[in-house]
């Protein structure tokens, strides 16, 4: 069976362990954006939220470093990405969400409003 090379839009949210130094957090961000790019994906938007409180403790930790990446990629990239994230002991949780055209339009509107609000 041939692999499906259809390009889809996705949003990846990763929660890294809060003990990472800022440089290590930036290195981890680059690692996953580079991984998406080298596997045929394109980064639409990247947003490092930084340290946030968790809704419930994970591995006795109450905070985590959040990273959200919006990207478009062939559908087979997510399986490879999942393997990489499961091997990374710095990641406490991760979630990939498939975005439909309405979600993509919503994110674009939200970003453009934020940009105009920051410039005002």
Protein backbone atom coordinates (compact mmCIF):
# COMPACT_ATOMS: atom_id res chain seq x y z
CA UNK A 1 0.00 0.00 0.00
CA UNK A 2 1.41 3.41 -0.95
CA UNK A 3 1.91 5.97 1.79
CA UNK A 4 -0.43 8.93 1.73
CA UNK A 5 1.51 12.10 0.82
CA UNK A 6 -1.45 14.46 1.21
CA UNK A 7 -0.46 17.66 3.01
CA UNK A 8 -2.60 18.57 6.01
CA UNK A 9 -2.57 21.35 8.61
CA UNK A 10 -1.73 20.48 12.20
CA UNK A 11 -1.13 22.04 15.57
CA UNK A 12 1.37 20.48 17.94
CA UNK A 13 1.34 21.33 21.63
CA UNK A 14 4.24 20.07 23.70
CA UNK A 15 4.76 20.40 27.45
CA UNK A 16 8.42 20.13 28.37
CA UNK A 17 9.71 19.51 31.89
CA UNK A 18 10.09 22.79 33.83
CA UNK A 19 13.68 22.00 34.83
CA UNK A 20 14.99 22.80 31.32
CA UNK A 21 17.25 25.82 31.08
CA UNK A 22 16.15 28.49 28.60
CA UNK A 23 18.88 27.47 26.11
CA UNK A 24 17.79 23.82 26.34
CA UNK A 25 14.15 24.86 25.77
CA UNK A 26 15.18 26.83 22.66
CA UNK A 27 17.25 23.86 21.42
CA UNK A 28 14.26 21.54 21.91
CA UNK A 29 12.00 23.96 19.98
CA UNK A 30 14.47 24.04 17.10
CA UNK A 31 14.81 20.26 17.17
CA UNK A 32 11.11 19.72 16.50
CA UNK A 33 10.66 22.54 13.98
CA UNK A 34 13.71 21.24 12.09
CA UNK A 35 12.32 17.70 12.25
CA UNK A 36 9.05 18.84 10.66
CA UNK A 37 10.91 20.78 7.95
CA UNK A 38 13.32 17.94 7.06
CA UNK A 39 10.37 15.55 6.68
CA UNK A 40 8.62 17.75 4.12
CA UNK A 41 6.60 19.98 6.43
CA UNK A 42 6.34 23.74 6.62
CA UNK A 43 6.10 25.75 9.85
CA UNK A 44 3.16 28.17 9.72
CA UNK A 45 3.55 29.64 13.21
CA UNK A 46 5.54 28.89 16.34
CA UNK A 47 4.61 30.16 19.79
CA UNK A 48 6.66 29.39 22.91
CA UNK A 49 4.33 30.11 25.81
CA UNK A 50 7.04 29.46 28.37
CA UNK A 51 6.42 28.35 31.93
CA UNK A 52 2.76 27.77 32.82
CA UNK A 53 0.88 26.03 35.60
CA UNK A 54 -0.52 22.60 34.80
CA UNK A 55 -4.17 21.73 35.39
CA UNK A 56 -3.01 18.65 37.32
CA UNK A 57 0.43 17.39 38.41
CA UNK A 58 2.40 15.31 35.90
CA UNK A 59 5.24 13.25 37.39
CA UNK A 60 4.95 15.35 40.59
CA UNK A 61 5.50 18.58 38.62
CA UNK A 62 2.93 21.40 38.74
CA UNK A 63 4.40 23.56 35.95
CA UNK A 64 5.67 22.96 32.45
CA UNK A 65 7.25 24.76 29.49
CA UNK A 66 4.65 25.02 26.74
CA UNK A 67 5.35 25.13 23.01
CA UNK A 68 2.73 25.38 20.25
CA UNK A 69 3.68 24.82 16.61
CA UNK A 70 1.23 25.21 13.75
CA UNK A 71 2.44 23.46 10.62
CA UNK A 72 1.43 21.84 7.35
CA UNK A 73 2.99 18.50 6.49
CA UNK A 74 2.41 15.20 4.72
CA UNK A 75 0.22 12.92 6.81
CA UNK A 76 3.02 10.39 7.45
CA UNK A 77 5.16 12.96 9.32
CA UNK A 78 3.10 12.72 12.50
CA UNK A 79 3.94 9.06 13.10
CA UNK A 80 7.67 9.84 12.85
CA UNK A 81 7.22 12.92 15.05
CA UNK A 82 5.34 10.85 17.63
CA UNK A 83 8.25 8.38 17.87
CA UNK A 84 10.74 11.23 18.39
CA UNK A 85 8.62 12.84 21.11
CA UNK A 86 8.04 9.54 22.94
CA UNK A 87 11.82 9.02 23.07
CA UNK A 88 12.49 12.49 24.51
CA UNK A 89 12.58 12.36 28.32
CA UNK A 90 12.19 16.16 28.50
CA UNK A 91 8.64 15.96 27.13
CA UNK A 92 5.93 15.39 29.74
CA UNK A 93 2.94 15.53 27.35
CA UNK A 94 2.30 16.21 23.67
CA UNK A 95 -0.73 16.43 21.43
CA UNK A 96 -1.09 16.77 17.67
CA UNK A 97 -4.38 18.21 16.45
CA UNK A 98 -5.49 18.12 12.83
CA UNK A 99 -6.77 21.54 11.77
CA UNK A 100 -9.60 21.95 9.27
CA UNK A 101 -9.86 25.01 7.03
CA UNK A 102 -11.99 26.84 9.62
CA UNK A 103 -9.41 26.34 12.38
CA UNK A 104 -6.64 27.55 10.07
CA UNK A 105 -8.68 30.65 9.17
CA UNK A 106 -9.44 31.27 12.86
CA UNK A 107 -5.75 31.03 13.83
CA UNK A 108 -4.79 33.42 11.02
CA UNK A 109 -7.43 35.95 12.14
CA UNK A 110 -6.35 35.63 15.76
CA UNK A 111 -2.68 36.17 14.85
CA UNK A 112 -3.41 39.20 12.67
CA UNK A 113 -5.48 40.78 15.48
CA UNK A 114 -2.61 40.21 17.93
CA UNK A 115 -0.10 41.73 15.52
CA UNK A 116 -2.21 44.86 14.98
CA UNK A 117 -2.86 45.18 18.72
CA UNK A 118 0.88 44.96 19.47
CA UNK A 119 1.71 47.56 16.81
CA UNK A 120 -0.95 50.01 18.00
